Amino acid sequence: MADDKNISEGYCVELIDESEMVEFGHRLSRHLTFGMIVTLNGDLGAGKTTLSRGLLQALGHEGPVKSPTYTLVEPYDLPFGRVNHFDLYRVNDPQELEYIGFSDYLDSSALSLIEWPERGGEYLHTVDLALDIEHLKEGRKVVLSYQTVKGEIVVNHLRGASLYV
């Protein structure tokens, strides 16, 4: 994953339940652009795939969204454009990503959503937006950090709006 000294924390939100996590995915989708790399960090069951589902549905996907744990990547061709949803949980060595052409997926014509990014090693030296999802006593806390101008723009848009805009 990226060097922590190059990451700027920018936004934090607490979400009570699954429906709020989905709604936050909808809200986040309004500010994302082609070529962005968005990582989703959190323990098992934190809500990474739930947030991804909300985001994908808001971008035009109809149907279920499953975590691509066994396939590593699930591509979606949507009205928005291409979205590649990765789950790197089963990656033991970042070199394994070379075999699936991981670098080719991270091009400027697609939005990349990446769960378990810490398993991507140097392939993810720079990300636009990092979402860290933490369990709370009730609900979840999502902390957004950025490394790029694109990510900073997203965070600034989110800061300027309330949760249920």
N, C-alpha and C. Protein backbone atom coordinates (compact mmCIF):
# COMPACT_ATOMS: atom_id res chain seq x y z
N MET A 1 0.84 -1.18 0.00
CA MET A 1 0.00 0.00 0.00
C MET A 1 0.88 1.23 0.00
N ALA A 2 0.30 2.36 -0.16
CA ALA A 2 1.03 3.62 -0.27
C ALA A 2 1.72 4.00 1.03
N ASP A 3 2.74 4.80 0.90
CA ASP A 3 3.47 5.32 2.03
C ASP A 3 2.57 6.29 2.80
N ASP A 4 2.37 6.03 4.09
CA ASP A 4 1.44 6.82 4.89
C ASP A 4 1.76 8.31 4.91
N LYS A 5 3.02 8.70 4.77
CA LYS A 5 3.36 10.11 4.84
C LYS A 5 2.82 10.88 3.63
N ASN A 6 2.44 10.18 2.58
CA ASN A 6 1.91 10.83 1.39
C ASN A 6 0.39 10.82 1.33
N ILE A 7 -0.25 10.36 2.40
CA ILE A 7 -1.70 10.27 2.42
C ILE A 7 -2.25 11.38 3.31
N SER A 8 -3.27 12.08 2.81
CA SER A 8 -3.90 13.14 3.58
C SER A 8 -5.31 12.71 3.97
N GLU A 9 -5.58 12.70 5.28
CA GLU A 9 -6.92 12.37 5.74
C GLU A 9 -7.82 13.55 5.44
N GLY A 10 -9.00 13.25 4.92
CA GLY A 10 -9.81 14.35 4.51
C GLY A 10 -11.26 14.36 4.94
N TYR A 11 -11.83 13.20 5.30
CA TYR A 11 -13.26 13.18 5.56
C TYR A 11 -13.60 11.94 6.37
N CYS A 12 -14.54 12.09 7.29
CA CYS A 12 -14.97 10.97 8.13
C CYS A 12 -16.48 11.03 8.27
N VAL A 13 -17.11 9.85 8.20
CA VAL A 13 -18.56 9.78 8.36
C VAL A 13 -18.90 8.51 9.14
N GLU A 14 -19.90 8.60 10.02
CA GLU A 14 -20.39 7.43 10.74
C GLU A 14 -21.71 7.02 10.13
N LEU A 15 -21.84 5.72 9.89
CA LEU A 15 -23.01 5.15 9.24
C LEU A 15 -23.62 4.11 10.17
N ILE A 16 -24.91 4.20 10.39
CA ILE A 16 -25.59 3.36 11.38
C ILE A 16 -25.81 1.93 10.90
N ASP A 17 -26.19 1.76 9.64
CA ASP A 17 -26.58 0.43 9.18
C ASP A 17 -26.26 0.23 7.70
N GLU A 18 -26.65 -0.93 7.19
CA GLU A 18 -26.35 -1.29 5.80
C GLU A 18 -26.95 -0.30 4.81
N SER A 19 -28.17 0.15 5.06
CA SER A 19 -28.80 1.08 4.12
C SER A 19 -28.04 2.40 4.05
N GLU A 20 -27.49 2.86 5.16
CA GLU A 20 -26.69 4.08 5.13
C GLU A 20 -25.37 3.86 4.40
N MET A 21 -24.81 2.65 4.51
CA MET A 21 -23.58 2.33 3.78
C MET A 21 -23.85 2.35 2.28
N VAL A 22 -24.97 1.76 1.86
CA VAL A 22 -25.35 1.77 0.45
C VAL A 22 -25.58 3.21 -0.02
N GLU A 23 -26.27 3.99 0.78
CA GLU A 23 -26.54 5.39 0.43
C GLU A 23 -25.23 6.19 0.32
N PHE A 24 -24.29 5.92 1.20
CA PHE A 24 -23.01 6.60 1.10
C PHE A 24 -22.30 6.22 -0.20
N GLY A 25 -22.41 4.96 -0.62
CA GLY A 25 -21.87 4.55 -1.92
C GLY A 25 -22.50 5.32 -3.05
N HIS A 26 -23.82 5.55 -2.97
CA HIS A 26 -24.53 6.36 -3.98
C HIS A 26 -23.95 7.76 -4.00
N ARG A 27 -23.82 8.33 -2.82
CA ARG A 27 -23.33 9.71 -2.71
C ARG A 27 -21.90 9.84 -3.23
N LEU A 28 -21.06 8.90 -2.88
CA LEU A 28 -19.66 8.91 -3.31
C LEU A 28 -19.58 8.81 -4.83
N SER A 29 -20.44 8.01 -5.44
CA SER A 29 -20.39 7.78 -6.89
C SER A 29 -20.54 9.07 -7.69
N ARG A 30 -21.23 10.04 -7.15
CA ARG A 30 -21.46 11.31 -7.86
C ARG A 30 -20.17 12.09 -8.11
N HIS A 31 -19.13 11.75 -7.38
CA HIS A 31 -17.91 12.55 -7.43
C HIS A 31 -16.71 11.82 -8.03
N LEU A 32 -16.88 10.57 -8.41
CA LEU A 32 -15.78 9.79 -8.95
C LEU A 32 -15.66 9.98 -10.46
N THR A 33 -14.45 9.80 -10.97
CA THR A 33 -14.21 9.99 -12.41
C THR A 33 -13.43 8.80 -12.96
N PHE A 34 -13.39 8.72 -14.29
CA PHE A 34 -12.62 7.68 -14.96
C PHE A 34 -11.18 7.71 -14.50
N GLY A 35 -10.59 6.53 -14.44
CA GLY A 35 -9.18 6.43 -14.13
C GLY A 35 -8.83 6.50 -12.66
N MET A 36 -9.82 6.69 -11.80
CA MET A 36 -9.52 6.76 -10.37
C MET A 36 -9.29 5.37 -9.81
N ILE A 37 -8.40 5.31 -8.84
CA ILE A 37 -8.17 4.08 -8.07
C ILE A 37 -8.65 4.37 -6.65
N VAL A 38 -9.66 3.59 -6.24
CA VAL A 38 -10.28 3.75 -4.92
C VAL A 38 -10.08 2.45 -4.15
N THR A 39 -9.46 2.54 -2.99
CA THR A 39 -9.25 1.35 -2.18
C THR A 39 -10.22 1.33 -1.01
N LEU A 40 -10.60 0.12 -0.61
CA LEU A 40 -11.51 -0.09 0.51
C LEU A 40 -10.82 -1.01 1.51
N ASN A 41 -10.50 -0.46 2.66
CA ASN A 41 -9.81 -1.20 3.72
C ASN A 41 -10.79 -1.48 4.85
N GLY A 42 -10.65 -2.63 5.48
CA GLY A 42 -11.48 -2.95 6.63
C GLY A 42 -11.46 -4.44 6.88
N ASP A 43 -11.81 -4.82 8.10
CA ASP A 43 -11.87 -6.22 8.47
C ASP A 43 -12.97 -6.93 7.68
N LEU A 44 -12.97 -8.27 7.76
CA LEU A 44 -14.06 -9.05 7.18
C LEU A 44 -15.38 -8.56 7.78
N GLY A 45 -16.37 -8.34 6.93
CA GLY A 45 -17.67 -7.90 7.40
C GLY A 45 -17.79 -6.42 7.70
N ALA A 46 -16.76 -5.65 7.36
CA ALA A 46 -16.79 -4.21 7.66
C ALA A 46 -17.78 -3.45 6.78
N GLY A 47 -18.02 -3.94 5.56
CA GLY A 47 -18.94 -3.26 4.66
C GLY A 47 -18.33 -2.81 3.35
N LYS A 48 -17.17 -3.34 3.01
CA LYS A 48 -16.49 -2.95 1.77
C LYS A 48 -17.34 -3.27 0.55
N THR A 49 -17.86 -4.48 0.48
CA THR A 49 -18.67 -4.88 -0.66
C THR A 49 -20.02 -4.18 -0.64
N THR A 50 -20.57 -3.93 0.53
CA THR A 50 -21.83 -3.21 0.63
C THR A 50 -21.69 -1.80 0.08
N LEU A 51 -20.61 -1.12 0.44
CA LEU A 51 -20.36 0.22 -0.08
C LEU A 51 -20.16 0.15 -1.60
N SER A 52 -19.42 -0.86 -2.06
CA SER A 52 -19.20 -1.03 -3.50
C SER A 52 -20.53 -1.26 -4.22
N ARG A 53 -21.41 -2.03 -3.62
CA ARG A 53 -22.73 -2.28 -4.22
C ARG A 53 -23.50 -0.98 -4.40
N GLY A 54 -23.53 -0.15 -3.37
CA GLY A 54 -24.21 1.14 -3.49
C GLY A 54 -23.63 2.00 -4.58
N LEU A 55 -22.33 2.01 -4.67
CA LEU A 55 -21.64 2.80 -5.69
C LEU A 55 -21.96 2.27 -7.09
N LEU A 56 -21.85 0.95 -7.27
CA LEU A 56 -22.13 0.35 -8.58
C LEU A 56 -23.58 0.53 -9.00
N GLN A 57 -24.50 0.40 -8.07
CA GLN A 57 -25.92 0.60 -8.38
C GLN A 57 -26.16 2.04 -8.80
N ALA A 58 -25.54 2.97 -8.12
CA ALA A 58 -25.72 4.38 -8.47
C ALA A 58 -25.15 4.70 -9.85
N LEU A 59 -24.15 3.92 -10.28
CA LEU A 59 -23.55 4.13 -11.60
C LEU A 59 -24.28 3.37 -12.70
N GLY A 60 -25.37 2.67 -12.32
CA GLY A 60 -26.20 2.03 -13.33
C GLY A 60 -26.24 0.52 -13.32
N HIS A 61 -25.54 -0.14 -12.41
CA HIS A 61 -25.58 -1.61 -12.36
C HIS A 61 -26.90 -2.08 -11.77
N GLU A 62 -27.50 -3.04 -12.44
CA GLU A 62 -28.71 -3.68 -11.93
C GLU A 62 -28.37 -5.12 -11.61
N GLY A 63 -28.81 -5.57 -10.48
CA GLY A 63 -28.53 -6.95 -10.09
C GLY A 63 -27.61 -7.00 -8.89
N PRO A 64 -27.28 -8.22 -8.48
CA PRO A 64 -26.46 -8.37 -7.27
C PRO A 64 -25.00 -7.96 -7.50
N VAL A 65 -24.34 -7.61 -6.42
CA VAL A 65 -22.92 -7.32 -6.43
C VAL A 65 -22.29 -8.21 -5.37
N LYS A 66 -21.44 -9.11 -5.81
CA LYS A 66 -20.74 -9.99 -4.89
C LYS A 66 -19.27 -9.60 -4.86
N SER A 67 -18.65 -9.88 -3.75
CA SER A 67 -17.21 -9.64 -3.67
C SER A 67 -16.51 -10.65 -4.58
N PRO A 68 -15.64 -10.20 -5.47
CA PRO A 68 -14.97 -11.12 -6.40
C PRO A 68 -13.79 -11.84 -5.74
N THR A 69 -14.04 -12.47 -4.60
CA THR A 69 -12.98 -13.11 -3.83
C THR A 69 -12.25 -14.19 -4.62
N TYR A 70 -12.97 -15.00 -5.37
CA TYR A 70 -12.34 -16.12 -6.07
C TYR A 70 -11.87 -15.74 -7.47
N THR A 71 -12.55 -14.80 -8.11
CA THR A 71 -12.15 -14.39 -9.46
C THR A 71 -11.15 -13.24 -9.45
N LEU A 72 -10.98 -12.60 -8.32
CA LEU A 72 -10.11 -11.44 -8.10
C LEU A 72 -10.64 -10.15 -8.70
N VAL A 73 -11.31 -10.23 -9.85
CA VAL A 73 -11.83 -9.01 -10.46
C VAL A 73 -13.18 -9.31 -11.10
N GLU A 74 -14.07 -8.36 -10.96
CA GLU A 74 -15.37 -8.40 -11.63
C GLU A 74 -15.52 -7.09 -12.40
N PRO A 75 -15.45 -7.16 -13.74
CA PRO A 75 -15.62 -5.93 -14.53
C PRO A 75 -17.10 -5.63 -14.77
N TYR A 76 -17.44 -4.36 -14.72
CA TYR A 76 -18.81 -3.90 -14.98
C TYR A 76 -18.75 -2.85 -16.08
N ASP A 77 -19.47 -3.08 -17.16
CA ASP A 77 -19.60 -2.08 -18.21
C ASP A 77 -20.93 -1.35 -17.98
N LEU A 78 -20.84 -0.12 -17.55
CA LEU A 78 -22.00 0.66 -17.11
C LEU A 78 -22.15 1.92 -17.95
N PRO A 79 -23.31 2.57 -17.86
CA PRO A 79 -23.46 3.86 -18.56
C PRO A 79 -22.34 4.85 -18.18
N PHE A 80 -21.90 4.80 -16.95
CA PHE A 80 -20.79 5.63 -16.46
C PHE A 80 -19.51 5.33 -17.23
N GLY A 81 -19.32 4.06 -17.56
CA GLY A 81 -18.09 3.56 -18.16
C GLY A 81 -17.71 2.26 -17.47
N ARG A 82 -16.49 1.83 -17.67
CA ARG A 82 -16.05 0.57 -17.07
C ARG A 82 -15.65 0.78 -15.61
N VAL A 83 -16.09 -0.16 -14.77
CA VAL A 83 -15.67 -0.21 -13.38
C VAL A 83 -15.12 -1.61 -13.13
N ASN A 84 -13.91 -1.69 -12.59
CA ASN A 84 -13.30 -2.96 -12.23
C ASN A 84 -13.30 -3.07 -10.71
N HIS A 85 -14.00 -4.09 -10.20
CA HIS A 85 -14.11 -4.32 -8.76
C HIS A 85 -13.18 -5.48 -8.41
N PHE A 86 -12.17 -5.20 -7.62
CA PHE A 86 -11.17 -6.19 -7.23
C PHE A 86 -11.35 -6.59 -5.77
N ASP A 87 -11.03 -7.83 -5.47
CA ASP A 87 -10.93 -8.32 -4.10
C ASP A 87 -9.63 -9.09 -4.02
N LEU A 88 -8.66 -8.54 -3.33
CA LEU A 88 -7.32 -9.14 -3.28
C LEU A 88 -7.11 -10.01 -2.04
N TYR A 89 -8.19 -10.36 -1.36
CA TYR A 89 -8.08 -11.12 -0.11
C TYR A 89 -7.27 -12.41 -0.27
N ARG A 90 -7.45 -13.11 -1.37
CA ARG A 90 -6.79 -14.40 -1.57
C ARG A 90 -5.40 -14.30 -2.22
N VAL A 91 -4.93 -13.09 -2.44
CA VAL A 91 -3.60 -12.91 -3.02
C VAL A 91 -2.56 -13.09 -1.92
N ASN A 92 -1.66 -14.03 -2.12
CA ASN A 92 -0.61 -14.29 -1.13
C ASN A 92 0.66 -13.52 -1.43
N ASP A 93 0.90 -13.27 -2.70
CA ASP A 93 2.11 -12.58 -3.13
C ASP A 93 1.69 -11.59 -4.22
N PRO A 94 2.04 -10.30 -4.08
CA PRO A 94 1.65 -9.32 -5.10
C PRO A 94 2.04 -9.70 -6.52
N GLN A 95 3.09 -10.52 -6.69
CA GLN A 95 3.50 -10.94 -8.02
C GLN A 95 2.40 -11.73 -8.73
N GLU A 96 1.48 -12.35 -7.97
CA GLU A 96 0.37 -13.08 -8.56
C GLU A 96 -0.49 -12.16 -9.43
N LEU A 97 -0.51 -10.89 -9.10
CA LEU A 97 -1.32 -9.92 -9.85
C LEU A 97 -0.82 -9.75 -11.29
N GLU A 98 0.46 -10.01 -11.48
CA GLU A 98 1.02 -9.92 -12.83
C GLU A 98 0.34 -10.92 -13.77
N TYR A 99 -0.02 -12.08 -13.24
CA TYR A 99 -0.63 -13.13 -14.06
C TYR A 99 -2.03 -12.80 -14.54
N ILE A 100 -2.72 -11.92 -13.83
CA ILE A 100 -4.06 -11.52 -14.29
C ILE A 100 -4.04 -10.20 -15.05
N GLY A 101 -2.85 -9.64 -15.25
CA GLY A 101 -2.74 -8.38 -15.97
C GLY A 101 -3.25 -7.20 -15.16
N PHE A 102 -3.02 -7.24 -13.85
CA PHE A 102 -3.53 -6.21 -12.93
C PHE A 102 -3.19 -4.80 -13.39
N SER A 103 -1.95 -4.57 -13.80
CA SER A 103 -1.54 -3.23 -14.23
C SER A 103 -2.37 -2.74 -15.42
N ASP A 104 -2.75 -3.65 -16.31
CA ASP A 104 -3.56 -3.28 -17.47
C ASP A 104 -4.95 -2.81 -17.06
N TYR A 105 -5.47 -3.38 -15.98
CA TYR A 105 -6.79 -2.97 -15.48
C TYR A 105 -6.77 -1.54 -14.93
N LEU A 106 -5.62 -1.14 -14.42
CA LEU A 106 -5.51 0.17 -13.77
C LEU A 106 -5.20 1.25 -14.79
N ASP A 107 -5.99 1.31 -15.83
CA ASP A 107 -5.74 2.33 -16.86
C ASP A 107 -6.70 3.51 -16.68
N SER A 108 -6.48 4.51 -17.48
CA SER A 108 -7.23 5.76 -17.31
C SER A 108 -8.67 5.69 -17.80
N SER A 109 -9.07 4.59 -18.42
CA SER A 109 -10.44 4.52 -18.94
C SER A 109 -11.40 3.80 -18.00
N ALA A 110 -10.93 3.38 -16.84
CA ALA A 110 -11.79 2.64 -15.92
C ALA A 110 -11.65 3.17 -14.50
N LEU A 111 -12.71 3.01 -13.74
CA LEU A 111 -12.69 3.26 -12.30
C LEU A 111 -12.36 1.93 -11.64
N SER A 112 -11.39 1.92 -10.73
CA SER A 112 -11.00 0.70 -10.04
C SER A 112 -11.36 0.78 -8.57
N LEU A 113 -12.14 -0.20 -8.11
CA LEU A 113 -12.49 -0.35 -6.69
C LEU A 113 -11.71 -1.56 -6.19
N ILE A 114 -10.90 -1.38 -5.15
CA ILE A 114 -10.00 -2.45 -4.73
C ILE A 114 -10.15 -2.73 -3.24
N GLU A 115 -10.69 -3.93 -2.94
CA GLU A 115 -10.79 -4.39 -1.57
C GLU A 115 -9.49 -5.12 -1.20
N TRP A 116 -9.09 -5.03 0.05
CA TRP A 116 -7.86 -5.63 0.57
C TRP A 116 -6.63 -5.13 -0.20
N PRO A 117 -6.49 -3.81 -0.35
CA PRO A 117 -5.38 -3.26 -1.15
C PRO A 117 -4.00 -3.53 -0.58
N GLU A 118 -3.90 -3.78 0.72
CA GLU A 118 -2.59 -4.03 1.31
C GLU A 118 -1.92 -5.26 0.70
N ARG A 119 -2.70 -6.12 0.06
CA ARG A 119 -2.14 -7.31 -0.58
C ARG A 119 -1.64 -7.02 -2.00
N GLY A 120 -1.83 -5.79 -2.44
CA GLY A 120 -1.39 -5.40 -3.79
C GLY A 120 0.03 -4.90 -3.86
N GLY A 121 0.66 -4.71 -2.72
CA GLY A 121 2.06 -4.29 -2.68
C GLY A 121 2.33 -3.07 -3.53
N GLU A 122 3.42 -3.10 -4.26
CA GLU A 122 3.86 -1.97 -5.08
C GLU A 122 2.95 -1.67 -6.26
N TYR A 123 2.04 -2.57 -6.58
CA TYR A 123 1.10 -2.30 -7.66
C TYR A 123 0.19 -1.13 -7.31
N LEU A 124 0.08 -0.86 -6.03
CA LEU A 124 -0.79 0.23 -5.56
C LEU A 124 0.01 1.28 -4.83
N HIS A 125 1.10 1.72 -5.44
CA HIS A 125 1.94 2.72 -4.78
C HIS A 125 1.25 4.07 -4.68
N THR A 126 0.33 4.37 -5.58
CA THR A 126 -0.43 5.62 -5.51
C THR A 126 -1.90 5.31 -5.74
N VAL A 127 -2.74 5.75 -4.82
CA VAL A 127 -4.19 5.61 -4.98
C VAL A 127 -4.81 7.00 -4.89
N ASP A 128 -5.92 7.16 -5.57
CA ASP A 128 -6.58 8.47 -5.52
C ASP A 128 -7.32 8.66 -4.21
N LEU A 129 -8.04 7.61 -3.80
CA LEU A 129 -8.91 7.72 -2.63
C LEU A 129 -8.84 6.41 -1.85
N ALA A 130 -8.57 6.49 -0.55
CA ALA A 130 -8.53 5.32 0.32
C ALA A 130 -9.66 5.44 1.33
N LEU A 131 -10.50 4.42 1.41
CA LEU A 131 -11.59 4.38 2.37
C LEU A 131 -11.26 3.33 3.42
N ASP A 132 -11.16 3.76 4.66
CA ASP A 132 -10.91 2.85 5.78
C ASP A 132 -12.21 2.71 6.55
N ILE A 133 -12.71 1.49 6.63
CA ILE A 133 -14.00 1.23 7.28
C ILE A 133 -13.73 0.51 8.60
N GLU A 134 -14.22 1.10 9.68
CA GLU A 134 -14.00 0.54 11.02
C GLU A 134 -15.33 0.18 11.65
N HIS A 135 -15.34 -0.92 12.40
CA HIS A 135 -16.51 -1.31 13.18
C HIS A 135 -16.64 -0.38 14.37
N LEU A 136 -17.84 0.08 14.64
CA LEU A 136 -18.15 0.82 15.85
C LEU A 136 -19.08 -0.04 16.70
N LYS A 137 -19.35 0.39 17.90
CA LYS A 137 -20.29 -0.36 18.74
C LYS A 137 -21.61 -0.53 17.99
N GLU A 138 -22.05 0.56 17.35
CA GLU A 138 -23.23 0.52 16.49
C GLU A 138 -22.85 1.18 15.17
N GLY A 139 -22.83 0.41 14.11
CA GLY A 139 -22.54 0.97 12.80
C GLY A 139 -21.08 0.91 12.42
N ARG A 140 -20.72 1.79 11.50
CA ARG A 140 -19.37 1.84 10.96
C ARG A 140 -18.90 3.28 10.85
N LYS A 141 -17.59 3.44 10.89
CA LYS A 141 -16.98 4.74 10.61
C LYS A 141 -16.17 4.57 9.34
N VAL A 142 -16.37 5.49 8.39
CA VAL A 142 -15.61 5.48 7.14
C VAL A 142 -14.74 6.73 7.13
N VAL A 143 -13.44 6.51 7.00
CA VAL A 143 -12.47 7.61 6.93
C VAL A 143 -11.90 7.61 5.51
N LEU A 144 -12.05 8.73 4.84
CA LEU A 144 -11.53 8.88 3.48
C LEU A 144 -10.23 9.67 3.51
N SER A 145 -9.23 9.15 2.82
CA SER A 145 -7.94 9.82 2.68
C SER A 145 -7.62 9.89 1.20
N TYR A 146 -6.74 10.79 0.83
CA TYR A 146 -6.39 10.93 -0.59
C TYR A 146 -4.91 11.13 -0.77
N GLN A 147 -4.43 10.79 -1.97
CA GLN A 147 -3.04 10.99 -2.35
C GLN A 147 -2.90 11.87 -3.57
N THR A 148 -3.99 12.10 -4.27
CA THR A 148 -3.92 12.83 -5.53
C THR A 148 -4.90 13.99 -5.52
N VAL A 149 -4.76 14.84 -6.50
CA VAL A 149 -5.68 15.96 -6.67
C VAL A 149 -7.10 15.44 -6.93
N LYS A 150 -7.22 14.38 -7.73
CA LYS A 150 -8.55 13.80 -7.99
C LYS A 150 -9.22 13.39 -6.68
N GLY A 151 -8.47 12.73 -5.81
CA GLY A 151 -9.00 12.31 -4.52
C GLY A 151 -9.36 13.49 -3.64
N GLU A 152 -8.52 14.51 -3.65
CA GLU A 152 -8.78 15.71 -2.85
C GLU A 152 -10.08 16.39 -3.30
N ILE A 153 -10.32 16.42 -4.59
CA ILE A 153 -11.55 17.02 -5.12
C ILE A 153 -12.77 16.26 -4.61
N VAL A 154 -12.70 14.93 -4.62
CA VAL A 154 -13.82 14.12 -4.10
C VAL A 154 -14.08 14.45 -2.64
N VAL A 155 -13.02 14.47 -1.85
CA VAL A 155 -13.16 14.76 -0.42
C VAL A 155 -13.74 16.15 -0.20
N ASN A 156 -13.29 17.13 -0.96
CA ASN A 156 -13.82 18.49 -0.82
C ASN A 156 -15.30 18.55 -1.17
N HIS A 157 -15.73 17.80 -2.18
CA HIS A 157 -17.16 17.75 -2.52
C HIS A 157 -17.96 17.12 -1.38
N LEU A 158 -17.44 16.05 -0.80
CA LEU A 158 -18.14 15.38 0.29
C LEU A 158 -18.21 16.28 1.53
N ARG A 159 -17.16 17.01 1.80
CA ARG A 159 -17.17 17.93 2.94
C ARG A 159 -18.26 18.98 2.81
N GLY A 160 -18.53 19.37 1.56
CA GLY A 160 -19.49 20.44 1.32
C GLY A 160 -20.94 20.01 1.30
N ALA A 161 -21.20 18.72 1.50
CA ALA A 161 -22.58 18.22 1.44
C ALA A 161 -22.90 17.43 2.69
N SER A 162 -24.17 17.38 3.06
CA SER A 162 -24.58 16.57 4.20
C SER A 162 -24.77 15.13 3.75
N LEU A 163 -24.90 14.21 4.69
CA LEU A 163 -24.99 12.79 4.39
C LEU A 163 -26.12 12.44 3.45
N TYR A 164 -27.23 13.10 3.56
CA TYR A 164 -28.40 12.71 2.76
C TYR A 164 -28.78 13.80 1.76
N VAL A 165 -27.82 14.21 0.96
CA VAL A 165 -28.08 15.19 -0.08
C VAL A 165 -28.82 14.53 -1.21
